[in-house]
Amino acid sequence: MKVLLVGESWVINSTHIKGFDQFTETKYGEGGKWLIQALEIGKFEVDYMPCHIAANEFPTTLEQMQKYDVIIFSDIGSNTLLLTEDVFGRGKKMPNRLQLVKEFVENGGGFAMMGGYMTFQGIDGKAKYAHTAIAEILPIRMMESDDRFEAPEGVYPTIVDESHPVLDGVSKEWPHFLGYNMLFELDPKYVIAKCNDHIFMAGRDYGEGRTFAFASDISPHWGSPEFLQWESYNTLFSNIAKWLCKKI
C-alpha cells in the first residue's frame, strides 16, 4: 500500500534589526515526520512532497496519481496546486490537479485532508478549498472565510461513532488540541468525532473511493506535544489510511 503525503513544509524569513544595521535569516522546516512514521509502522510506503516540491511535481495525470492508494493533503493551500509555473509564470493551460484528485477518488482512490493554517479554508481564508473540486468530495462542509478555532486553553474531541473502524485499538482518552479548522456537518452518517459544535473527524464513500477529514494538525502547533506522543497516534493514522484503502 502506497501513500503520497503532500504539504507540511515551510520557510521562515526573518529580519534582525540591531540599531542602524540589520540582517536576514532564513529557515526551512518540515512537520510530516510524525505522520510518516505512523504510516510506515502501519506497513505503508510513503512518498513525501513538501509544498515547494509539490508545486511543480504533484501529478498532472490520473495515471500518475493511480500509483498511490491514498493521497493526503496537510497544510498546503489550493493555489500551490493550481498555479504551477506553466500556468502562473507562462500563461499555459494545464490540467486542474484538484479536479484530477476528484477523479482519482471516483475511480477507487483514497483522499484525506488534515487540518492546519493552509488546509480547508485556513488563515484569512487563504487555503481556498471551498470552491474547488476537493470541496465536492470531502465528508464535511467548509466555511468561506477564515475557519480557524484557536484554543490555547486546550480542547478535547468527543467521539460520536465509537464503532467506526478508524477507532479500532484507539484509546478512549484523547489528549488536548490547541485549535482546529471549523468544519460543518454534511451528513450525520459521515461524522466520527466532534469538537464543540464542529466536525472533528468524518469519512465517506465517494464514487468507488473514500475521503476523510481531520480538523486539526497532525503536527505542531495545534497538535499538542501530548497528542504527538499519544500512545494511539500511530494506530489512529494507520487506521485512517487502511480505511481509505478499504482494508478495514
Foldseek 3Di string as FASTA:
>chain_A
DEEEEEEFKDKDWDWDDDDPDIDIDIDIDGFCPLLCVLQVVLVYHYDYHHLVRCLAPVDQALVVVVVGQEYEYEQHALCSQQCHCCCPVVVDDGHRVLVSVLVNQLVAHEYEYEWDQQPQLHDQRRSVPQPTVVCVAEQWHADNGHFKDFAQVWWDKDFDDCPDQLCVVPDPDAGTFGIWGFTHGPDVVQAGIATPRGGQKGKDRDNNFIYIYHTHHLGPDRCPPCNSVPPCSSSNSSRVSCVRSVVD
